[in-house]
Amino acid sequence: MKIYLDTNVILDVVLIRHPFFSDAQKILEWCEEKTVHGYTSVLSFSNIAYIQRPRTPPRDRIPKLIALRSIITPVDVTATILDQALYSNFKDFEDAMQYFCARSCGADYLVTRNTEDFAPAEIAVVTPKDFLSIYHSLQ
């Protein structure tokens, strides 16, 4: 099963954001175990690096990204994805970029905490909690 992780889900783990941390951490554990195949945009890596700057000492930033890279497959952002996002019906451009990256990697689910922003999606868009339930029901 392929899942695409929105930046907010990964940040919940990187920044230990409660009450979201435990659900997101479980999903990343499954990615690490290769129980599910996790993907995110290469842009998410740079956004995570930028957002963690005030909270993470410089010596810890790159090792966290390397650890993340070892369990999540980055999806390249292409000119086609950019064009799809620019001309889409999404209200939020960044969400459109995430969505079209998810489509390009063939994700079965896009996991995010802001599902309402992905209304025009043709991929199943679920919260981390919903994904945990879905995964458990398939086992």
C-alpha atoms as a PDB file:
ATOM      1  CA  MET A   1       0.000   0.000   0.000  1.00  0.00           C
ATOM      2  CA  LYS A   2       1.302   3.429  -0.961  1.00  0.00           C
ATOM      3  CA  ILE A   3       0.582   6.429   1.224  1.00  0.00           C
ATOM      4  CA  TYR A   4       1.493  10.024   0.649  1.00  0.00           C
ATOM      5  CA  LEU A   5       2.206  12.020   3.801  1.00  0.00           C
ATOM      6  CA  ASP A   6       1.370  15.690   3.870  1.00  0.00           C
ATOM      7  CA  THR A   7       3.997  17.873   5.524  1.00  0.00           C
ATOM      8  CA  ASN A   8       1.816  18.516   8.582  1.00  0.00           C
ATOM      9  CA  VAL A   9       1.766  14.812   9.468  1.00  0.00           C
ATOM     10  CA  ILE A  10       5.547  14.505   9.322  1.00  0.00           C
ATOM     11  CA  LEU A  11       5.960  17.710  11.325  1.00  0.00           C
ATOM     12  CA  ASP A  12       3.756  16.224  14.043  1.00  0.00           C
ATOM     13  CA  VAL A  13       6.500  13.653  14.605  1.00  0.00           C
ATOM     14  CA  VAL A  14       9.558  15.842  13.971  1.00  0.00           C
ATOM     15  CA  LEU A  15       8.291  18.557  16.322  1.00  0.00           C
ATOM     16  CA  ILE A  16       6.536  16.161  18.741  1.00  0.00           C
ATOM     17  CA  ARG A  17       3.227  17.995  18.402  1.00  0.00           C
ATOM     18  CA  HIS A  18       0.614  16.642  20.764  1.00  0.00           C
ATOM     19  CA  PRO A  19      -2.112  15.404  20.507  1.00  0.00           C
ATOM     20  CA  PHE A  20      -1.203  14.421  16.931  1.00  0.00           C
ATOM     21  CA  PHE A  21       2.204  12.864  17.614  1.00  0.00           C
ATOM     22  CA  SER A  22       1.244   9.263  18.437  1.00  0.00           C
ATOM     23  CA  ASP A  23      -0.930   8.640  15.355  1.00  0.00           C
ATOM     24  CA  ALA A  24       1.643  10.185  13.025  1.00  0.00           C
ATOM     25  CA  GLN A  25       4.491   8.324  14.729  1.00  0.00           C
ATOM     26  CA  LYS A  26       2.723   4.984  14.252  1.00  0.00           C
ATOM     27  CA  ILE A  27       2.333   5.669  10.541  1.00  0.00           C
ATOM     28  CA  LEU A  28       6.019   6.571  10.205  1.00  0.00           C
ATOM     29  CA  GLU A  29       6.904   3.367  12.075  1.00  0.00           C
ATOM     30  CA  TRP A  30       4.946   1.395   9.480  1.00  0.00           C
ATOM     31  CA  CYS A  31       6.850   3.237   6.746  1.00  0.00           C
ATOM     32  CA  GLU A  32      10.129   2.347   8.435  1.00  0.00           C
ATOM     33  CA  GLU A  33       9.089  -1.299   8.711  1.00  0.00           C
ATOM     34  CA  LYS A  34       7.988  -1.187   5.037  1.00  0.00           C
ATOM     35  CA  THR A  35       4.527  -2.338   6.116  1.00  0.00           C
ATOM     36  CA  VAL A  36       3.313   0.604   4.046  1.00  0.00           C
ATOM     37  CA  HIS A  37       5.287   2.556   1.472  1.00  0.00           C
ATOM     38  CA  GLY A  38       5.484   6.202   2.477  1.00  0.00           C
ATOM     39  CA  TYR A  39       6.010   9.093   0.082  1.00  0.00           C
ATOM     40  CA  THR A  40       6.215  12.854   0.382  1.00  0.00           C
ATOM     41  CA  SER A  41       7.308  15.716  -1.814  1.00  0.00           C
ATOM     42  CA  VAL A  42      10.919  16.835  -1.981  1.00  0.00           C
ATOM     43  CA  LEU A  43       9.432  20.225  -1.078  1.00  0.00           C
ATOM     44  CA  SER A  44       8.275  18.764   2.223  1.00  0.00           C
ATOM     45  CA  PHE A  45      11.884  18.045   3.157  1.00  0.00           C
ATOM     46  CA  SER A  46      12.885  21.680   2.635  1.00  0.00           C
ATOM     47  CA  ASN A  47       9.755  22.937   4.396  1.00  0.00           C
ATOM     48  CA  ILE A  48      10.432  20.665   7.362  1.00  0.00           C
ATOM     49  CA  ALA A  49      14.046  21.885   7.522  1.00  0.00           C
ATOM     50  CA  TYR A  50      12.861  25.484   7.511  1.00  0.00           C
ATOM     51  CA  ILE A  51      10.078  25.033  10.052  1.00  0.00           C
ATOM     52  CA  GLN A  52      12.206  23.067  12.519  1.00  0.00           C
ATOM     53  CA  ARG A  53      14.944  25.744  12.581  1.00  0.00           C
ATOM     54  CA  PRO A  54      13.713  27.658  15.647  1.00  0.00           C
ATOM     55  CA  ARG A  55      13.049  24.442  17.610  1.00  0.00           C
ATOM     56  CA  THR A  56      15.921  22.163  16.647  1.00  0.00           C
ATOM     57  CA  PRO A  57      19.641  22.746  17.243  1.00  0.00           C
ATOM     58  CA  PRO A  58      21.642  23.000  13.992  1.00  0.00           C
ATOM     59  CA  ARG A  59      23.564  19.774  14.722  1.00  0.00           C
ATOM     60  CA  ASP A  60      20.272  17.809  14.862  1.00  0.00           C
ATOM     61  CA  ARG A  61      18.531  19.160  11.743  1.00  0.00           C
ATOM     62  CA  ILE A  62      20.268  17.245   8.977  1.00  0.00           C
ATOM     63  CA  PRO A  63      20.386  13.941  10.897  1.00  0.00           C
ATOM     64  CA  LYS A  64      16.600  14.175  11.338  1.00  0.00           C
ATOM     65  CA  LEU A  65      16.176  14.734   7.604  1.00  0.00           C
ATOM     66  CA  ILE A  66      18.519  11.835   6.821  1.00  0.00           C
ATOM     67  CA  ALA A  67      16.505   9.579   9.124  1.00  0.00           C
ATOM     68  CA  LEU A  68      13.306  10.709   7.450  1.00  0.00           C
ATOM     69  CA  ARG A  69      14.823  10.140   4.009  1.00  0.00           C
ATOM     70  CA  SER A  70      15.687   6.572   4.979  1.00  0.00           C
ATOM     71  CA  ILE A  71      12.021   5.728   5.541  1.00  0.00           C
ATOM     72  CA  ILE A  72      10.101   8.054   3.191  1.00  0.00           C
ATOM     73  CA  THR A  73      10.479   8.105  -0.578  1.00  0.00           C
ATOM     74  CA  PRO A  74      10.701  11.663  -1.914  1.00  0.00           C
ATOM     75  CA  VAL A  75       8.560  12.550  -4.904  1.00  0.00           C
ATOM     76  CA  ASP A  76      10.131  14.895  -7.426  1.00  0.00           C
ATOM     77  CA  VAL A  77       8.236  18.034  -8.278  1.00  0.00           C
ATOM     78  CA  THR A  78       8.113  18.382 -12.030  1.00  0.00           C
ATOM     79  CA  ALA A  79       6.957  21.121 -14.346  1.00  0.00           C
ATOM     80  CA  THR A  80       3.912  18.965 -15.086  1.00  0.00           C
ATOM     81  CA  ILE A  81       3.004  18.812 -11.393  1.00  0.00           C
ATOM     82  CA  LEU A  82       3.505  22.567 -11.124  1.00  0.00           C
ATOM     83  CA  ASP A  83       1.213  23.159 -14.102  1.00  0.00           C
ATOM     84  CA  GLN A  84      -1.421  20.780 -12.756  1.00  0.00           C
ATOM     85  CA  ALA A  85      -1.399  22.645  -9.430  1.00  0.00           C
ATOM     86  CA  LEU A  86      -1.475  26.073 -11.057  1.00  0.00           C
ATOM     87  CA  TYR A  87      -4.498  25.246 -13.185  1.00  0.00           C
ATOM     88  CA  SER A  88      -6.383  23.123 -10.669  1.00  0.00           C
ATOM     89  CA  ASN A  89      -9.531  23.901  -8.705  1.00  0.00           C
ATOM     90  CA  PHE A  90      -7.714  23.702  -5.385  1.00  0.00           C
ATOM     91  CA  LYS A  91      -8.126  26.754  -3.180  1.00  0.00           C
ATOM     92  CA  ASP A  92      -4.666  26.302  -1.639  1.00  0.00           C
ATOM     93  CA  PHE A  93      -1.709  26.105  -4.029  1.00  0.00           C
ATOM     94  CA  GLU A  94       0.559  24.177  -1.639  1.00  0.00           C
ATOM     95  CA  ASP A  95      -2.143  21.561  -1.107  1.00  0.00           C
ATOM     96  CA  ALA A  96      -2.539  21.276  -4.868  1.00  0.00           C
ATOM     97  CA  MET A  97       1.204  20.641  -5.194  1.00  0.00           C
ATOM     98  CA  GLN A  98       0.997  17.933  -2.524  1.00  0.00           C
ATOM     99  CA  TYR A  99      -2.016  16.353  -4.181  1.00  0.00           C
ATOM    100  CA  PHE A 100      -0.476  16.154  -7.641  1.00  0.00           C
ATOM    101  CA  CYS A 101       2.727  14.730  -6.150  1.00  0.00           C
ATOM    102  CA  ALA A 102       0.582  12.084  -4.448  1.00  0.00           C
ATOM    103  CA  ARG A 103      -1.084  11.275  -7.755  1.00  0.00           C
ATOM    104  CA  SER A 104       2.240  11.080  -9.566  1.00  0.00           C
ATOM    105  CA  CYS A 105       3.563   8.387  -7.210  1.00  0.00           C
ATOM    106  CA  GLY A 106       0.332   6.369  -7.401  1.00  0.00           C
ATOM    107  CA  ALA A 107      -0.596   6.830  -3.745  1.00  0.00           C
ATOM    108  CA  ASP A 108      -3.611   4.928  -2.491  1.00  0.00           C
ATOM    109  CA  TYR A 109      -4.128   7.418   0.336  1.00  0.00           C
ATOM    110  CA  LEU A 110      -3.095  10.994   1.007  1.00  0.00           C
ATOM    111  CA  VAL A 111      -2.707  11.354   4.774  1.00  0.00           C
ATOM    112  CA  THR A 112      -3.185  14.869   6.126  1.00  0.00           C
ATOM    113  CA  ARG A 113      -4.741  16.696   9.048  1.00  0.00           C
ATOM    114  CA  ASN A 114      -6.507  19.172   6.766  1.00  0.00           C
ATOM    115  CA  THR A 115      -8.669  16.885   4.642  1.00  0.00           C
ATOM    116  CA  GLU A 116     -11.160  19.658   3.836  1.00  0.00           C
ATOM    117  CA  ASP A 117      -8.521  21.471   1.753  1.00  0.00           C
ATOM    118  CA  PHE A 118      -8.319  18.517  -0.634  1.00  0.00           C
ATOM    119  CA  ALA A 119     -11.996  18.576  -1.690  1.00  0.00           C
ATOM    120  CA  PRO A 120     -11.413  18.143  -5.452  1.00  0.00           C
ATOM    121  CA  ALA A 121      -9.192  15.076  -4.834  1.00  0.00           C
ATOM    122  CA  GLU A 122      -9.671  11.800  -6.665  1.00  0.00           C
ATOM    123  CA  ILE A 123      -7.395   9.955  -4.201  1.00  0.00           C
ATOM    124  CA  ALA A 124      -8.716   8.942  -0.793  1.00  0.00           C
ATOM    125  CA  VAL A 125      -7.741  11.790   1.569  1.00  0.00           C
ATOM    126  CA  VAL A 126      -7.757  10.748   5.213  1.00  0.00           C
ATOM    127  CA  THR A 127      -6.560  11.905   8.596  1.00  0.00           C
ATOM    128  CA  PRO A 128      -3.835   9.943  10.383  1.00  0.00           C
ATOM    129  CA  LYS A 129      -6.439   8.567  12.827  1.00  0.00           C
ATOM    130  CA  ASP A 130      -8.661   7.452   9.933  1.00  0.00           C
ATOM    131  CA  PHE A 131      -5.702   5.841   8.184  1.00  0.00           C
ATOM    132  CA  LEU A 132      -4.855   3.862  11.325  1.00  0.00           C
ATOM    133  CA  SER A 133      -8.435   2.520  11.362  1.00  0.00           C
ATOM    134  CA  ILE A 134      -8.344   1.716   7.647  1.00  0.00           C
ATOM    135  CA  TYR A 135      -5.020  -0.089   7.976  1.00  0.00           C
ATOM    136  CA  HIS A 136      -6.181  -2.125  10.957  1.00  0.00           C
ATOM    137  CA  SER A 137      -9.384  -3.123   9.134  1.00  0.00           C
ATOM    138  CA  LEU A 138      -7.300  -4.513   6.251  1.00  0.00           C
ATOM    139  CA  GLN A 139      -5.183  -6.718   8.492  1.00  0.00           C
END
